[in-house]
PDB file of N, CA and C in Angstrom:
ATOM      1  N   MET A   1      43.568 108.038 240.469  1.00  0.00           N
ATOM      2  CA  MET A   1      43.711 108.337 239.059  1.00  0.00           C
ATOM      3  C   MET A   1      43.710 109.841 238.846  1.00  0.00           C
ATOM      4  N   ALA A   2      44.359 110.252 237.821  1.00  0.00           N
ATOM      5  CA  ALA A   2      44.431 111.672 237.504  1.00  0.00           C
ATOM      6  C   ALA A   2      43.107 112.145 236.918  1.00  0.00           C
ATOM      7  N   ALA A   3      42.850 113.441 237.027  1.00  0.00           N
ATOM      8  CA  ALA A   3      41.593 113.988 236.539  1.00  0.00           C
ATOM      9  C   ALA A   3      41.546 114.036 235.013  1.00  0.00           C
ATOM     10  N   ASN A   4      42.702 114.043 234.330  1.00  0.00           N
ATOM     11  CA  ASN A   4      42.717 114.132 232.875  1.00  0.00           C
ATOM     12  C   ASN A   4      42.382 112.807 232.205  1.00  0.00           C
ATOM     13  N   ASN A   5      42.542 111.694 232.891  1.00  0.00           N
ATOM     14  CA  ASN A   5      42.257 110.399 232.292  1.00  0.00           C
ATOM     15  C   ASN A   5      40.760 110.149 232.352  1.00  0.00           C
ATOM     16  N   ASN A   6      40.098 110.238 231.207  1.00  0.00           N
ATOM     17  CA  ASN A   6      38.659 110.074 231.231  1.00  0.00           C
ATOM     18  C   ASN A   6      38.154 108.959 230.328  1.00  0.00           C
ATOM     19  N   ILE A   7      39.018 108.186 229.706  1.00  0.00           N
ATOM     20  CA  ILE A   7      38.597 107.052 228.893  1.00  0.00           C
ATOM     21  C   ILE A   7      39.434 105.842 229.289  1.00  0.00           C
ATOM     22  N   LYS A   8      38.735 104.762 229.645  1.00  0.00           N
ATOM     23  CA  LYS A   8      39.413 103.517 230.002  1.00  0.00           C
ATOM     24  C   LYS A   8      39.301 102.562 228.820  1.00  0.00           C
ATOM     25  N   ILE A   9      40.429 102.005 228.403  1.00  0.00           N
ATOM     26  CA  ILE A   9      40.474 101.065 227.286  1.00  0.00           C
ATOM     27  C   ILE A   9      40.899  99.715 227.839  1.00  0.00           C
ATOM     28  N   ARG A  10      40.101  98.698 227.569  1.00  0.00           N
ATOM     29  CA  ARG A  10      40.444  97.335 227.972  1.00  0.00           C
ATOM     30  C   ARG A  10      40.587  96.499 226.707  1.00  0.00           C
ATOM     31  N   LEU A  11      41.768  95.944 226.510  1.00  0.00           N
ATOM     32  CA  LEU A  11      42.061  95.102 225.355  1.00  0.00           C
ATOM     33  C   LEU A  11      42.128  93.654 225.818  1.00  0.00           C
ATOM     34  N   LYS A  12      41.444  92.757 225.097  1.00  0.00           N
ATOM     35  CA  LYS A  12      41.448  91.336 225.433  1.00  0.00           C
ATOM     36  C   LYS A  12      41.811  90.536 224.197  1.00  0.00           C
ATOM     37  N   SER A  13      42.583  89.464 224.410  1.00  0.00           N
ATOM     38  CA  SER A  13      42.983  88.621 223.288  1.00  0.00           C
ATOM     39  C   SER A  13      43.472  87.278 223.808  1.00  0.00           C
ATOM     40  N   PHE A  14      43.492  86.290 222.911  1.00  0.00           N
ATOM     41  CA  PHE A  14      44.083  84.993 223.218  1.00  0.00           C
ATOM     42  C   PHE A  14      45.549  84.957 222.810  1.00  0.00           C
ATOM     43  N   ASP A  15      45.990  85.925 222.013  1.00  0.00           N
ATOM     44  CA  ASP A  15      47.367  85.983 221.527  1.00  0.00           C
ATOM     45  C   ASP A  15      48.046  87.219 222.117  1.00  0.00           C
ATOM     46  N   HIS A  16      49.055  87.019 222.953  1.00  0.00           N
ATOM     47  CA  HIS A  16      49.691  88.152 223.632  1.00  0.00           C
ATOM     48  C   HIS A  16      50.529  88.997 222.676  1.00  0.00           C
ATOM     49  N   LYS A  17      51.001  88.438 221.574  1.00  0.00           N
ATOM     50  CA  LYS A  17      51.792  89.228 220.627  1.00  0.00           C
ATOM     51  C   LYS A  17      50.920  90.264 219.917  1.00  0.00           C
ATOM     52  N   CYS A  18      49.737  89.864 219.482  1.00  0.00           N
ATOM     53  CA  CYS A  18      48.805  90.818 218.859  1.00  0.00           C
ATOM     54  C   CYS A  18      48.387  91.888 219.861  1.00  0.00           C
ATOM     55  N   LEU A  19      48.183  91.478 221.095  1.00  0.00           N
ATOM     56  CA  LEU A  19      47.765  92.414 222.132  1.00  0.00           C
ATOM     57  C   LEU A  19      48.835  93.468 222.395  1.00  0.00           C
ATOM     58  N   ASP A  20      50.089  93.052 222.469  1.00  0.00           N
ATOM     59  CA  ASP A  20      51.186  94.003 222.674  1.00  0.00           C
ATOM     60  C   ASP A  20      51.335  94.955 221.490  1.00  0.00           C
ATOM     61  N   GLN A  21      51.129  94.440 220.287  1.00  0.00           N
ATOM     62  CA  GLN A  21      51.236  95.264 219.080  1.00  0.00           C
ATOM     63  C   GLN A  21      50.146  96.335 219.046  1.00  0.00           C
ATOM     64  N   VAL A  22      48.916  95.960 219.388  1.00  0.00           N
ATOM     65  CA  VAL A  22      47.813  96.927 219.400  1.00  0.00           C
ATOM     66  C   VAL A  22      48.024  97.962 220.503  1.00  0.00           C
ATOM     67  N   ALA A  23      48.475  97.527 221.669  1.00  0.00           N
ATOM     68  CA  ALA A  23      48.720  98.466 222.767  1.00  0.00           C
ATOM     69  C   ALA A  23      49.790  99.482 222.386  1.00  0.00           C
ATOM     70  N   LYS A  24      50.831  99.025 221.719  1.00  0.00           N
ATOM     71  CA  LYS A  24      51.895  99.936 221.287  1.00  0.00           C
ATOM     72  C   LYS A  24      51.383 100.921 220.244  1.00  0.00           C
ATOM     73  N   SER A  25      50.549 100.458 219.314  1.00  0.00           N
ATOM     74  CA  SER A  25      50.026 101.365 218.288  1.00  0.00           C
ATOM     75  C   SER A  25      49.074 102.395 218.893  1.00  0.00           C
ATOM     76  N   ILE A  26      48.308 102.020 219.912  1.00  0.00           N
ATOM     77  CA  ILE A  26      47.418 102.978 220.577  1.00  0.00           C
ATOM     78  C   ILE A  26      48.241 104.025 221.324  1.00  0.00           C
ATOM     79  N   VAL A  27      49.266 103.596 222.034  1.00  0.00           N
ATOM     80  CA  VAL A  27      50.127 104.538 222.764  1.00  0.00           C
ATOM     81  C   VAL A  27      50.804 105.499 221.794  1.00  0.00           C
ATOM     82  N   ASP A  28      51.312 104.986 220.677  1.00  0.00           N
ATOM     83  CA  ASP A  28      51.969 105.844 219.686  1.00  0.00           C
ATOM     84  C   ASP A  28      50.995 106.850 219.077  1.00  0.00           C
ATOM     85  N   ALA A  29      49.764 106.410 218.770  1.00  0.00           N
ATOM     86  CA  ALA A  29      48.780 107.301 218.155  1.00  0.00           C
ATOM     87  C   ALA A  29      48.363 108.416 219.113  1.00  0.00           C
ATOM     88  N   VAL A  30      48.161 108.074 220.376  1.00  0.00           N
ATOM     89  CA  VAL A  30      47.733 109.082 221.354  1.00  0.00           C
ATOM     90  C   VAL A  30      48.859 110.077 221.628  1.00  0.00           C
ATOM     91  N   ARG A  31      50.084 109.593 221.764  1.00  0.00           N
ATOM     92  CA  ARG A  31      51.210 110.498 222.024  1.00  0.00           C
ATOM     93  C   ARG A  31      51.528 111.366 220.815  1.00  0.00           C
ATOM     94  N   LEU A  32      51.334 110.841 219.607  1.00  0.00           N
ATOM     95  CA  LEU A  32      51.558 111.626 218.397  1.00  0.00           C
ATOM     96  C   LEU A  32      50.556 112.775 218.297  1.00  0.00           C
ATOM     97  N   ALA A  33      49.330 112.540 218.773  1.00  0.00           N
ATOM     98  CA  ALA A  33      48.306 113.580 218.754  1.00  0.00           C
ATOM     99  C   ALA A  33      48.449 114.556 219.922  1.00  0.00           C
ATOM    100  N   GLY A  34      49.399 114.308 220.807  1.00  0.00           N
ATOM    101  CA  GLY A  34      49.615 115.219 221.926  1.00  0.00           C
ATOM    102  C   GLY A  34      48.820 114.869 223.164  1.00  0.00           C
ATOM    103  N   GLY A  35      48.229 113.709 223.210  1.00  0.00           N
ATOM    104  CA  GLY A  35      47.445 113.302 224.368  1.00  0.00           C
ATOM    105  C   GLY A  35      48.287 112.601 225.413  1.00  0.00           C
ATOM    106  N   ARG A  36      47.661 112.370 226.555  1.00  0.00           N
ATOM    107  CA  ARG A  36      48.335 111.666 227.636  1.00  0.00           C
ATOM    108  C   ARG A  36      47.773 110.260 227.738  1.00  0.00           C
ATOM    109  N   VAL A  37      48.653 109.322 228.036  1.00  0.00           N
ATOM    110  CA  VAL A  37      48.231 107.930 228.166  1.00  0.00           C
ATOM    111  C   VAL A  37      48.887 107.323 229.400  1.00  0.00           C
ATOM    112  N   SER A  38      48.124 106.526 230.134  1.00  0.00           N
ATOM    113  CA  SER A  38      48.650 105.769 231.266  1.00  0.00           C
ATOM    114  C   SER A  38      48.532 104.291 230.926  1.00  0.00           C
ATOM    115  N   GLY A  39      49.633 103.604 230.955  1.00  0.00           N
ATOM    116  CA  GLY A  39      49.599 102.179 230.625  1.00  0.00           C
ATOM    117  C   GLY A  39      50.502 101.913 229.458  1.00  0.00           C
ATOM    118  N   PRO A  40      50.452 100.783 228.884  1.00  0.00           N
ATOM    119  CA  PRO A  40      49.526  99.672 229.123  1.00  0.00           C
ATOM    120  C   PRO A  40      49.847  98.926 230.415  1.00  0.00           C
ATOM    121  N   ILE A  41      48.789  98.574 231.136  1.00  0.00           N
ATOM    122  CA  ILE A  41      48.908  97.850 232.393  1.00  0.00           C
ATOM    123  C   ILE A  41      48.480  96.409 232.135  1.00  0.00           C
ATOM    124  N   PRO A  42      49.397  95.450 232.179  1.00  0.00           N
ATOM    125  CA  PRO A  42      48.992  94.053 231.957  1.00  0.00           C
ATOM    126  C   PRO A  42      48.257  93.505 233.179  1.00  0.00           C
ATOM    127  N   MET A  43      47.109  92.934 232.946  1.00  0.00           N
ATOM    128  CA  MET A  43      46.321  92.320 234.006  1.00  0.00           C
ATOM    129  C   MET A  43      46.720  90.849 234.128  1.00  0.00           C
ATOM    130  N   PRO A  44      46.361  90.187 235.223  1.00  0.00           N
ATOM    131  CA  PRO A  44      46.714  88.773 235.367  1.00  0.00           C
ATOM    132  C   PRO A  44      46.093  87.911 234.264  1.00  0.00           C
ATOM    133  N   ARG A  45      46.870  86.954 233.811  1.00  0.00           N
ATOM    134  CA  ARG A  45      46.421  86.037 232.762  1.00  0.00           C
ATOM    135  C   ARG A  45      45.389  85.080 233.352  1.00  0.00           C
ATOM    136  N   LYS A  46      44.335  84.792 232.587  1.00  0.00           N
ATOM    137  CA  LYS A  46      43.316  83.841 233.026  1.00  0.00           C
ATOM    138  C   LYS A  46      43.432  82.578 232.195  1.00  0.00           C
ATOM    139  N   CYS A  47      43.518  81.440 232.861  1.00  0.00           N
ATOM    140  CA  CYS A  47      43.640  80.152 232.180  1.00  0.00           C
ATOM    141  C   CYS A  47      42.403  79.317 232.477  1.00  0.00           C
ATOM    142  N   ASP A  48      41.751  78.848 231.439  1.00  0.00           N
ATOM    143  CA  ASP A  48      40.658  77.893 231.574  1.00  0.00           C
ATOM    144  C   ASP A  48      41.179  76.545 231.119  1.00  0.00           C
ATOM    145  N   ARG A  49      41.099  75.559 232.000  1.00  0.00           N
ATOM    146  CA  ARG A  49      41.591  74.221 231.672  1.00  0.00           C
ATOM    147  C   ARG A  49      40.411  73.273 231.556  1.00  0.00           C
ATOM    148  N   TYR A  50      40.430  72.466 230.506  1.00  0.00           N
ATOM    149  CA  TYR A  50      39.380  71.494 230.241  1.00  0.00           C
ATOM    150  C   TYR A  50      39.999  70.111 230.140  1.00  0.00           C
ATOM    151  N   THR A  51      39.372  69.135 230.767  1.00  0.00           N
ATOM    152  CA  THR A  51      39.814  67.747 230.687  1.00  0.00           C
ATOM    153  C   THR A  51      38.701  66.941 230.043  1.00  0.00           C
ATOM    154  N   VAL A  52      39.031  66.221 228.984  1.00  0.00           N
ATOM    155  CA  VAL A  52      38.044  65.402 228.270  1.00  0.00           C
ATOM    156  C   VAL A  52      38.582  63.979 228.133  1.00  0.00           C
ATOM    157  N   LEU A  53      37.658  63.036 228.030  1.00  0.00           N
ATOM    158  CA  LEU A  53      38.038  61.645 227.827  1.00  0.00           C
ATOM    159  C   LEU A  53      38.459  61.439 226.380  1.00  0.00           C
ATOM    160  N   ARG A  54      39.505  60.665 226.172  1.00  0.00           N
ATOM    161  CA  ARG A  54      39.943  60.374 224.802  1.00  0.00           C
ATOM    162  C   ARG A  54      38.998  59.396 224.121  1.00  0.00           C
ATOM    163  N   SER A  55      38.491  58.457 224.869  1.00  0.00           N
ATOM    164  CA  SER A  55      37.595  57.445 224.323  1.00  0.00           C
ATOM    165  C   SER A  55      36.213  57.640 224.943  1.00  0.00           C
ATOM    166  N   PRO A  56      35.148  57.560 224.157  1.00  0.00           N
ATOM    167  CA  PRO A  56      33.828  57.846 224.712  1.00  0.00           C
ATOM    168  C   PRO A  56      33.262  56.743 225.614  1.00  0.00           C
ATOM    169  N   HIS A  57      33.751  55.492 225.501  1.00  0.00           N
ATOM    170  CA  HIS A  57      33.103  54.408 226.235  1.00  0.00           C
ATOM    171  C   HIS A  57      33.992  53.780 227.304  1.00  0.00           C
ATOM    172  N   VAL A  58      35.250  53.528 226.989  1.00  0.00           N
ATOM    173  CA  VAL A  58      36.135  52.829 227.926  1.00  0.00           C
ATOM    174  C   VAL A  58      37.383  53.674 228.165  1.00  0.00           C
ATOM    175  N   ASN A  59      38.293  53.160 228.966  1.00  0.00           N
ATOM    176  CA  ASN A  59      39.571  53.815 229.255  1.00  0.00           C
ATOM    177  C   ASN A  59      39.386  55.174 229.936  1.00  0.00           C
ATOM    178  N   LYS A  60      38.805  55.112 231.128  1.00  0.00           N
ATOM    179  CA  LYS A  60      38.571  56.327 231.905  1.00  0.00           C
ATOM    180  C   LYS A  60      39.887  57.022 232.287  1.00  0.00           C
ATOM    181  N   LYS A  61      40.967  56.258 232.421  1.00  0.00           N
ATOM    182  CA  LYS A  61      42.241  56.844 232.828  1.00  0.00           C
ATOM    183  C   LYS A  61      42.921  57.613 231.699  1.00  0.00           C
ATOM    184  N   SER A  62      42.516  57.378 230.477  1.00  0.00           N
ATOM    185  CA  SER A  62      43.123  58.056 229.333  1.00  0.00           C
ATOM    186  C   SER A  62      42.351  59.344 229.050  1.00  0.00           C
ATOM    187  N   ARG A  63      42.967  60.466 229.368  1.00  0.00           N
ATOM    188  CA  ARG A  63      42.298  61.761 229.201  1.00  0.00           C
ATOM    189  C   ARG A  63      43.230  62.749 228.515  1.00  0.00           C
ATOM    190  N   GLU A  64      42.616  63.766 227.922  1.00  0.00           N
ATOM    191  CA  GLU A  64      43.377  64.866 227.319  1.00  0.00           C
ATOM    192  C   GLU A  64      43.047  66.145 228.066  1.00  0.00           C
ATOM    193  N   GLN A  65      44.035  67.013 228.187  1.00  0.00           N
ATOM    194  CA  GLN A  65      43.821  68.285 228.856  1.00  0.00           C
ATOM    195  C   GLN A  65      44.121  69.421 227.889  1.00  0.00           C
ATOM    196  N   PHE A  66      43.207  70.390 227.866  1.00  0.00           N
ATOM    197  CA  PHE A  66      43.348  71.559 227.006  1.00  0.00           C
ATOM    198  C   PHE A  66      43.341  72.808 227.873  1.00  0.00           C
ATOM    199  N   GLU A  67      44.014  73.841 227.386  1.00  0.00           N
ATOM    200  CA  GLU A  67      44.128  75.084 228.139  1.00  0.00           C
ATOM    201  C   GLU A  67      43.865  76.260 227.206  1.00  0.00           C
ATOM    202  N   MET A  68      43.083  77.207 227.686  1.00  0.00           N
ATOM    203  CA  MET A  68      42.796  78.414 226.922  1.00  0.00           C
ATOM    204  C   MET A  68      43.247  79.607 227.775  1.00  0.00           C
ATOM    205  N   ARG A  69      44.214  80.379 227.270  1.00  0.00           N
ATOM    206  CA  ARG A  69      44.752  81.525 228.006  1.00  0.00           C
ATOM    207  C   ARG A  69      44.147  82.814 227.470  1.00  0.00           C
ATOM    208  N   LYS A  70      43.717  83.670 228.394  1.00  0.00           N
ATOM    209  CA  LYS A  70      43.139  84.960 228.031  1.00  0.00           C
ATOM    210  C   LYS A  70      44.027  86.057 228.605  1.00  0.00           C
ATOM    211  N   TYR A  71      44.454  86.967 227.740  1.00  0.00           N
ATOM    212  CA  TYR A  71      45.322  88.072 228.138  1.00  0.00           C
ATOM    213  C   TYR A  71      44.520  89.366 228.102  1.00  0.00           C
ATOM    214  N   THR A  72      44.771  90.250 229.075  1.00  0.00           N
ATOM    215  CA  THR A  72      44.056  91.515 229.176  1.00  0.00           C
ATOM    216  C   THR A  72      45.053  92.633 229.471  1.00  0.00           C
ATOM    217  N   VAL A  73      44.837  93.785 228.817  1.00  0.00           N
ATOM    218  CA  VAL A  73      45.657  94.975 229.040  1.00  0.00           C
ATOM    219  C   VAL A  73      44.714  96.143 229.292  1.00  0.00           C
ATOM    220  N   LEU A  74      45.060  96.975 230.260  1.00  0.00           N
ATOM    221  CA  LEU A  74      44.251  98.123 230.632  1.00  0.00           C
ATOM    222  C   LEU A  74      45.030  99.400 230.344  1.00  0.00           C
ATOM    223  N   MET A  75      44.343 100.405 229.765  1.00  0.00           N
ATOM    224  CA  MET A  75      44.981 101.688 229.442  1.00  0.00           C
ATOM    225  C   MET A  75      44.008 102.815 229.771  1.00  0.00           C
ATOM    226  N   PHE A  76      44.558 103.974 230.093  1.00  0.00           N
ATOM    227  CA  PHE A  76      43.763 105.173 230.334  1.00  0.00           C
ATOM    228  C   PHE A  76      44.277 106.276 229.415  1.00  0.00           C
ATOM    229  N   VAL A  77      43.376 106.892 228.648  1.00  0.00           N
ATOM    230  CA  VAL A  77      43.748 107.994 227.757  1.00  0.00           C
ATOM    231  C   VAL A  77      42.825 109.175 228.025  1.00  0.00           C
ATOM    232  N   ASP A  78      43.255 110.366 227.597  1.00  0.00           N
ATOM    233  CA  ASP A  78      42.452 111.553 227.848  1.00  0.00           C
ATOM    234  C   ASP A  78      41.586 111.957 226.664  1.00  0.00           C
ATOM    235  N   SER A  79      41.776 111.360 225.498  1.00  0.00           N
ATOM    236  CA  SER A  79      40.983 111.721 224.324  1.00  0.00           C
ATOM    237  C   SER A  79      40.827 110.506 223.421  1.00  0.00           C
ATOM    238  N   ALA A  80      39.635 110.335 222.861  1.00  0.00           N
ATOM    239  CA  ALA A  80      39.370 109.189 221.984  1.00  0.00           C
ATOM    240  C   ALA A  80      39.574 109.527 220.514  1.00  0.00           C
ATOM    241  N   ASP A  81      39.852 110.769 220.182  1.00  0.00           N
ATOM    242  CA  ASP A  81      40.000 111.160 218.778  1.00  0.00           C
ATOM    243  C   ASP A  81      41.144 110.443 218.062  1.00  0.00           C
ATOM    244  N   PRO A  82      42.327 110.280 218.652  1.00  0.00           N
ATOM    245  CA  PRO A  82      43.406 109.588 217.927  1.00  0.00           C
ATOM    246  C   PRO A  82      43.150 108.095 217.726  1.00  0.00           C
ATOM    247  N   LEU A  83      42.191 107.531 218.452  1.00  0.00           N
ATOM    248  CA  LEU A  83      41.940 106.093 218.365  1.00  0.00           C
ATOM    249  C   LEU A  83      41.176 105.698 217.110  1.00  0.00           C
ATOM    250  N   GLN A  84      40.622 106.661 216.394  1.00  0.00           N
ATOM    251  CA  GLN A  84      39.816 106.343 215.216  1.00  0.00           C
ATOM    252  C   GLN A  84      40.662 105.828 214.062  1.00  0.00           C
ATOM    253  N   ASN A  85      41.931 106.145 214.020  1.00  0.00           N
ATOM    254  CA  ASN A  85      42.786 105.740 212.906  1.00  0.00           C
ATOM    255  C   ASN A  85      43.629 104.504 213.206  1.00  0.00           C
ATOM    256  N   VAL A  86      43.455 103.891 214.365  1.00  0.00           N
ATOM    257  CA  VAL A  86      44.252 102.721 214.738  1.00  0.00           C
ATOM    258  C   VAL A  86      43.635 101.474 214.103  1.00  0.00           C
ATOM    259  N   GLN A  87      44.458 100.707 213.397  1.00  0.00           N
ATOM    260  CA  GLN A  87      44.009  99.461 212.777  1.00  0.00           C
ATOM    261  C   GLN A  87      44.125  98.328 213.796  1.00  0.00           C
ATOM    262  N   LEU A  88      43.051  97.543 213.933  1.00  0.00           N
ATOM    263  CA  LEU A  88      43.031  96.448 214.895  1.00  0.00           C
ATOM    264  C   LEU A  88      43.004  95.109 214.176  1.00  0.00           C
ATOM    265  N   PRO A  89      43.801  94.137 214.623  1.00  0.00           N
ATOM    266  CA  PRO A  89      43.701  92.796 214.047  1.00  0.00           C
ATOM    267  C   PRO A  89      42.413  92.114 214.510  1.00  0.00           C
ATOM    268  N   ALA A  90      42.080  91.013 213.875  1.00  0.00           N
ATOM    269  CA  ALA A  90      40.807  90.347 214.133  1.00  0.00           C
ATOM    270  C   ALA A  90      40.740  89.701 215.511  1.00  0.00           C
ATOM    271  N   GLY A  91      41.859  89.369 216.114  1.00  0.00           N
ATOM    272  CA  GLY A  91      41.838  88.626 217.370  1.00  0.00           C
ATOM    273  C   GLY A  91      41.815  89.465 218.626  1.00  0.00           C
ATOM    274  N   VAL A  92      41.644  90.780 218.523  1.00  0.00           N
ATOM    275  CA  VAL A  92      41.707  91.649 219.699  1.00  0.00           C
ATOM    276  C   VAL A  92      40.338  92.281 219.939  1.00  0.00           C
ATOM    277  N   ASP A  93      39.844  92.157 221.169  1.00  0.00           N
ATOM    278  CA  ASP A  93      38.573  92.748 221.571  1.00  0.00           C
ATOM    279  C   ASP A  93      38.867  94.038 222.332  1.00  0.00           C
ATOM    280  N   VAL A  94      38.155  95.109 221.988  1.00  0.00           N
ATOM    281  CA  VAL A  94      38.395  96.421 222.594  1.00  0.00           C
ATOM    282  C   VAL A  94      37.128  96.882 223.300  1.00  0.00           C
ATOM    283  N   GLU A  95      37.280  97.314 224.551  1.00  0.00           N
ATOM    284  CA  GLU A  95      36.180  97.911 225.299  1.00  0.00           C
ATOM    285  C   GLU A  95      36.584  99.329 225.691  1.00  0.00           C
ATOM    286  N   LEU A  96      35.752 100.300 225.353  1.00  0.00           N
ATOM    287  CA  LEU A  96      35.980 101.696 225.729  1.00  0.00           C
ATOM    288  C   LEU A  96      34.942 102.090 226.769  1.00  0.00           C
ATOM    289  N   LYS A  97      35.392 102.791 227.799  1.00  0.00           N
ATOM    290  CA  LYS A  97      34.475 103.218 228.842  1.00  0.00           C
ATOM    291  C   LYS A  97      34.838 104.632 229.263  1.00  0.00           C
ATOM    292  N   ALA A  98      33.880 105.550 229.190  1.00  0.00           N
ATOM    293  CA  ALA A  98      34.107 106.926 229.627  1.00  0.00           C
ATOM    294  C   ALA A  98      34.015 106.977 231.149  1.00  0.00           C
ATOM    295  N   MET A  99      34.966 107.711 231.735  1.00  0.00           N
ATOM    296  CA  MET A  99      34.991 107.779 233.199  1.00  0.00           C
ATOM    297  C   MET A  99      34.639 109.165 233.672  1.00  0.00           C
TER     298      MET A  99
END
């Protein structure tokens, strides 16, 4: 990693469209302020699958399967000042870590 990248941003969401929109707005805000940004780097998607019985007492062969997909994007920026004006939707989790 370059020496100028000192803040790691990890964005998590269940909706990849919101995640892409937030990543684009962060990149635009940092570049508009004259900062450097590396990313967005899409991480592997994580899928949690759950299988439940449709009927509580009988019909063991009748089951339903549900899937929950988690999307993650990683970014590196050199300054956190432009990030204060970025509007985030409710479904996106942001983690900031100084490096």
